[in-house]
C-alpha cells in the first residue's frame, strides 16, 4: 500500500464521522427536533457562507478583526515582556 493510500485510509473513519454528524444535525434541524434558529441546518450555513464569500463584503470586517487581533497581541506581548524583564532583574 502506498503512503498516500495509507494516509487516505486513515482519514476515512474521521471523515465518515463528520459527515454522519452533519447529516444528523441536518435531519434534526429540518424535522424540527431542534430549533433551526438556534441550530441551523449545515446546508443553510454552507449556502449563506457561499453568498458572503461571493459578494466580497467579508474583506472589510476581516481586516478590522485581524487589526484588532494584532493590536491585542502586540499589547499583550509588550506587557508580558515588560513584566518578564522586571521579574528577571
N, C-alpha and C. Protein backbone atom coordinates (compact mmCIF):
# COMPACT_ATOMS: atom_id res chain seq x y z
N UNK A 1 0.86 -1.18 0.00
CA UNK A 1 0.00 0.00 0.00
C UNK A 1 0.89 1.23 0.00
N UNK A 2 0.60 2.16 -0.89
CA UNK A 2 1.41 3.37 -0.97
C UNK A 2 1.15 4.26 0.24
N UNK A 3 2.05 5.20 0.42
CA UNK A 3 1.93 6.11 1.56
C UNK A 3 0.65 6.95 1.46
N UNK A 4 0.32 7.38 0.24
CA UNK A 4 -0.89 8.17 0.03
C UNK A 4 -2.14 7.35 0.34
N UNK A 5 -2.16 6.10 -0.09
CA UNK A 5 -3.32 5.25 0.15
C UNK A 5 -3.49 4.99 1.64
N UNK A 6 -2.39 4.78 2.35
CA UNK A 6 -2.47 4.56 3.80
C UNK A 6 -2.99 5.81 4.50
N UNK A 7 -2.49 6.96 4.08
CA UNK A 7 -2.95 8.23 4.68
C UNK A 7 -4.44 8.43 4.42
N UNK A 8 -4.86 8.14 3.20
CA UNK A 8 -6.27 8.27 2.85
C UNK A 8 -7.13 7.30 3.66
N UNK A 9 -6.64 6.07 3.83
CA UNK A 9 -7.38 5.08 4.61
C UNK A 9 -7.48 5.50 6.08
N UNK A 10 -6.46 6.19 6.57
CA UNK A 10 -6.51 6.67 7.95
C UNK A 10 -7.51 7.81 8.12
N UNK A 11 -7.75 8.58 7.07
CA UNK A 11 -8.66 9.72 7.15
C UNK A 11 -10.13 9.33 7.01
N UNK A 12 -10.40 8.22 6.37
CA UNK A 12 -11.78 7.85 6.05
C UNK A 12 -12.68 7.75 7.28
N UNK A 13 -12.29 7.06 8.37
CA UNK A 13 -13.21 6.98 9.52
C UNK A 13 -13.57 8.35 10.10
N UNK A 14 -12.60 9.23 10.20
CA UNK A 14 -12.88 10.56 10.72
C UNK A 14 -13.81 11.36 9.82
N UNK A 15 -13.58 11.26 8.51
CA UNK A 15 -14.44 11.97 7.57
C UNK A 15 -15.86 11.41 7.59
N UNK A 16 -15.98 10.10 7.69
CA UNK A 16 -17.31 9.50 7.78
C UNK A 16 -18.05 9.96 9.04
N UNK A 17 -17.32 10.07 10.15
CA UNK A 17 -17.94 10.54 11.39
C UNK A 17 -18.43 11.98 11.23
N UNK A 18 -17.62 12.83 10.61
CA UNK A 18 -18.01 14.22 10.42
C UNK A 18 -19.25 14.32 9.53
N UNK A 19 -19.25 13.57 8.43
CA UNK A 19 -20.41 13.59 7.53
C UNK A 19 -21.65 13.05 8.22
N UNK A 20 -21.50 12.00 9.04
CA UNK A 20 -22.64 11.44 9.76
C UNK A 20 -23.18 12.46 10.77
N UNK A 21 -22.29 13.15 11.47
CA UNK A 21 -22.71 14.16 12.44
C UNK A 21 -23.44 15.30 11.74
N UNK A 22 -22.91 15.75 10.60
CA UNK A 22 -23.59 16.81 9.84
C UNK A 22 -24.96 16.34 9.35
N UNK A 23 -25.07 15.09 8.95
CA UNK A 23 -26.36 14.55 8.50
C UNK A 23 -27.36 14.52 9.64
N UNK A 24 -26.92 14.13 10.83
CA UNK A 24 -27.81 14.10 12.00
C UNK A 24 -28.29 15.51 12.33
N UNK A 25 -27.39 16.48 12.31
CA UNK A 25 -27.77 17.86 12.61
C UNK A 25 -28.74 18.38 11.54
N UNK A 26 -28.47 18.06 10.28
CA UNK A 26 -29.36 18.47 9.19
C UNK A 26 -30.77 17.92 9.38
N UNK A 27 -30.85 16.63 9.66
CA UNK A 27 -32.15 15.99 9.85
C UNK A 27 -32.87 16.56 11.06
N UNK A 28 -32.13 16.75 12.16
CA UNK A 28 -32.74 17.28 13.37
C UNK A 28 -33.28 18.70 13.14
N UNK A 29 -32.54 19.51 12.41
CA UNK A 29 -33.00 20.89 12.15
C UNK A 29 -34.17 20.92 11.18
N UNK A 30 -34.13 20.09 10.16
CA UNK A 30 -35.19 20.09 9.14
C UNK A 30 -36.49 19.48 9.66
N UNK A 31 -36.41 18.52 10.58
CA UNK A 31 -37.62 17.88 11.09
C UNK A 31 -38.19 18.59 12.31
N UNK A 32 -37.48 19.58 12.83
CA UNK A 32 -37.99 20.32 13.97
C UNK A 32 -37.60 19.74 15.32
N UNK A 33 -36.71 18.75 15.34
CA UNK A 33 -36.26 18.19 16.63
C UNK A 33 -35.48 19.23 17.43
N UNK A 34 -34.81 20.12 16.72
CA UNK A 34 -34.13 21.24 17.36
C UNK A 34 -34.60 22.52 16.68
N UNK A 35 -34.51 23.60 17.37
CA UNK A 35 -34.92 24.89 16.83
C UNK A 35 -33.91 25.32 15.77
N UNK A 36 -34.35 25.47 14.54
CA UNK A 36 -33.46 25.83 13.43
C UNK A 36 -32.87 27.22 13.60
N UNK A 37 -33.46 28.07 14.42
CA UNK A 37 -32.89 29.38 14.68
C UNK A 37 -31.67 29.27 15.59
N UNK A 38 -31.64 28.23 16.41
CA UNK A 38 -30.51 28.02 17.32
C UNK A 38 -29.46 27.13 16.67
N UNK A 39 -29.90 26.05 16.02
CA UNK A 39 -29.01 25.11 15.34
C UNK A 39 -29.46 25.05 13.88
N UNK A 40 -28.91 25.92 13.03
CA UNK A 40 -29.34 25.93 11.63
C UNK A 40 -28.83 24.69 10.89
N UNK A 41 -29.53 24.28 9.86
CA UNK A 41 -29.06 23.15 9.06
C UNK A 41 -27.71 23.47 8.41
N UNK A 42 -26.80 22.51 8.38
CA UNK A 42 -25.49 22.76 7.76
C UNK A 42 -25.58 23.22 6.31
N UNK A 43 -26.59 22.75 5.56
CA UNK A 43 -26.71 23.19 4.17
C UNK A 43 -27.05 24.67 4.10
N UNK A 44 -27.87 25.16 5.01
CA UNK A 44 -28.21 26.59 5.04
C UNK A 44 -26.97 27.42 5.38
N UNK A 45 -26.16 26.91 6.30
CA UNK A 45 -24.91 27.60 6.67
C UNK A 45 -23.97 27.64 5.47
N UNK A 46 -23.85 26.54 4.75
CA UNK A 46 -22.97 26.49 3.58
C UNK A 46 -23.44 27.45 2.49
N UNK A 47 -24.73 27.53 2.26
CA UNK A 47 -25.27 28.45 1.24
C UNK A 47 -24.99 29.89 1.65
N UNK A 48 -25.24 30.23 2.90
CA UNK A 48 -25.00 31.60 3.37
C UNK A 48 -23.52 31.94 3.30
N UNK A 49 -22.66 30.99 3.66
CA UNK A 49 -21.21 31.20 3.59
C UNK A 49 -20.79 31.48 2.14
N UNK A 50 -21.32 30.71 1.21
CA UNK A 50 -21.00 30.92 -0.20
C UNK A 50 -21.45 32.29 -0.69
N UNK A 51 -22.62 32.73 -0.26
CA UNK A 51 -23.11 34.05 -0.66
C UNK A 51 -22.24 35.16 -0.10
N UNK A 52 -21.81 35.02 1.14
CA UNK A 52 -20.97 36.05 1.76
C UNK A 52 -19.61 36.11 1.06
N UNK A 53 -19.01 34.96 0.82
CA UNK A 53 -17.71 34.94 0.15
C UNK A 53 -17.84 35.48 -1.28
N UNK A 54 -18.89 35.10 -1.96
CA UNK A 54 -19.11 35.55 -3.34
C UNK A 54 -19.35 37.05 -3.46
N UNK A 55 -19.94 37.65 -2.44
CA UNK A 55 -20.27 39.07 -2.51
C UNK A 55 -19.05 39.96 -2.25
N UNK A 56 -18.03 39.45 -1.58
CA UNK A 56 -16.84 40.25 -1.29
C UNK A 56 -17.00 41.19 -0.11
N UNK A 57 -18.13 41.14 0.57
CA UNK A 57 -18.40 42.04 1.69
C UNK A 57 -17.56 41.67 2.92
N UNK A 58 -17.06 40.47 2.96
CA UNK A 58 -16.36 39.95 4.14
C UNK A 58 -14.97 40.53 4.32
N UNK A 59 -14.37 41.11 3.29
CA UNK A 59 -12.98 41.53 3.37
C UNK A 59 -12.77 42.67 4.38
N UNK A 60 -13.64 43.67 4.38
CA UNK A 60 -13.50 44.79 5.32
C UNK A 60 -13.59 44.35 6.78
N UNK A 61 -14.65 43.62 7.17
CA UNK A 61 -14.73 43.14 8.55
C UNK A 61 -13.58 42.20 8.93
N UNK A 62 -13.11 41.40 7.98
CA UNK A 62 -11.98 40.52 8.27
C UNK A 62 -10.74 41.33 8.59
N UNK A 63 -10.46 42.36 7.81
CA UNK A 63 -9.28 43.19 8.06
C UNK A 63 -9.40 43.91 9.41
N UNK A 64 -10.60 44.36 9.75
CA UNK A 64 -10.81 45.02 11.04
C UNK A 64 -10.57 44.03 12.18
N UNK A 65 -11.06 42.81 12.03
CA UNK A 65 -10.86 41.79 13.05
C UNK A 65 -9.38 41.45 13.20
N UNK A 66 -8.68 41.30 12.08
CA UNK A 66 -7.25 40.97 12.14
C UNK A 66 -6.44 42.12 12.75
N UNK A 67 -6.83 43.37 12.46
CA UNK A 67 -6.14 44.51 13.06
C UNK A 67 -6.36 44.54 14.57
N UNK A 68 -7.57 44.25 15.01
CA UNK A 68 -7.85 44.20 16.44
C UNK A 68 -7.06 43.06 17.10
N UNK A 69 -7.01 41.93 16.44
CA UNK A 69 -6.23 40.80 16.95
C UNK A 69 -4.76 41.16 17.08
N UNK A 70 -4.20 41.79 16.05
CA UNK A 70 -2.79 42.17 16.08
C UNK A 70 -2.51 43.19 17.18
N UNK A 71 -3.41 44.15 17.34
CA UNK A 71 -3.22 45.16 18.39
C UNK A 71 -3.27 44.52 19.77
N UNK A 72 -4.22 43.64 19.99
CA UNK A 72 -4.30 42.95 21.28
C UNK A 72 -3.10 42.07 21.54
N UNK A 73 -2.64 41.36 20.52
CA UNK A 73 -1.47 40.50 20.67
C UNK A 73 -0.23 41.34 20.96
N UNK A 74 -0.09 42.45 20.24
CA UNK A 74 1.06 43.34 20.46
C UNK A 74 1.06 43.92 21.86
N UNK A 75 -0.10 44.37 22.32
CA UNK A 75 -0.19 44.91 23.69
C UNK A 75 0.12 43.84 24.72
N UNK A 76 -0.41 42.63 24.51
CA UNK A 76 -0.15 41.54 25.44
C UNK A 76 1.33 41.18 25.48
N UNK A 77 1.96 41.14 24.32
CA UNK A 77 3.39 40.84 24.27
C UNK A 77 4.20 41.93 24.98
N UNK A 78 3.86 43.18 24.73
CA UNK A 78 4.60 44.28 25.36
C UNK A 78 4.49 44.22 26.88
N UNK A 79 3.29 44.00 27.38
CA UNK A 79 3.10 43.91 28.83
C UNK A 79 3.82 42.68 29.38
N UNK A 80 3.69 41.55 28.70
CA UNK A 80 4.33 40.32 29.17
C UNK A 80 5.84 40.43 29.17
N UNK A 81 6.42 40.98 28.13
CA UNK A 81 7.88 41.14 28.08
C UNK A 81 8.34 42.13 29.14
N UNK A 82 7.60 43.22 29.27
CA UNK A 82 7.96 44.21 30.31
C UNK A 82 7.93 43.61 31.69
N UNK A 83 6.89 42.87 32.02
CA UNK A 83 6.81 42.22 33.34
C UNK A 83 7.91 41.17 33.50
N UNK A 84 8.19 40.45 32.43
CA UNK A 84 9.25 39.43 32.49
C UNK A 84 10.61 40.05 32.77
N UNK A 85 10.88 41.17 32.13
CA UNK A 85 12.15 41.87 32.36
C UNK A 85 12.21 42.37 33.80
N UNK A 86 11.12 42.92 34.30
CA UNK A 86 11.10 43.40 35.69
C UNK A 86 11.27 42.27 36.69
N UNK A 87 10.65 41.13 36.41
CA UNK A 87 10.76 39.98 37.32
C UNK A 87 12.16 39.38 37.27
N UNK A 88 12.82 39.46 36.11
CA UNK A 88 14.14 38.85 35.96
C UNK A 88 15.27 39.70 36.47
N UNK A 89 15.00 40.98 36.73
CA UNK A 89 16.11 41.83 37.17
C UNK A 89 16.10 42.07 38.67
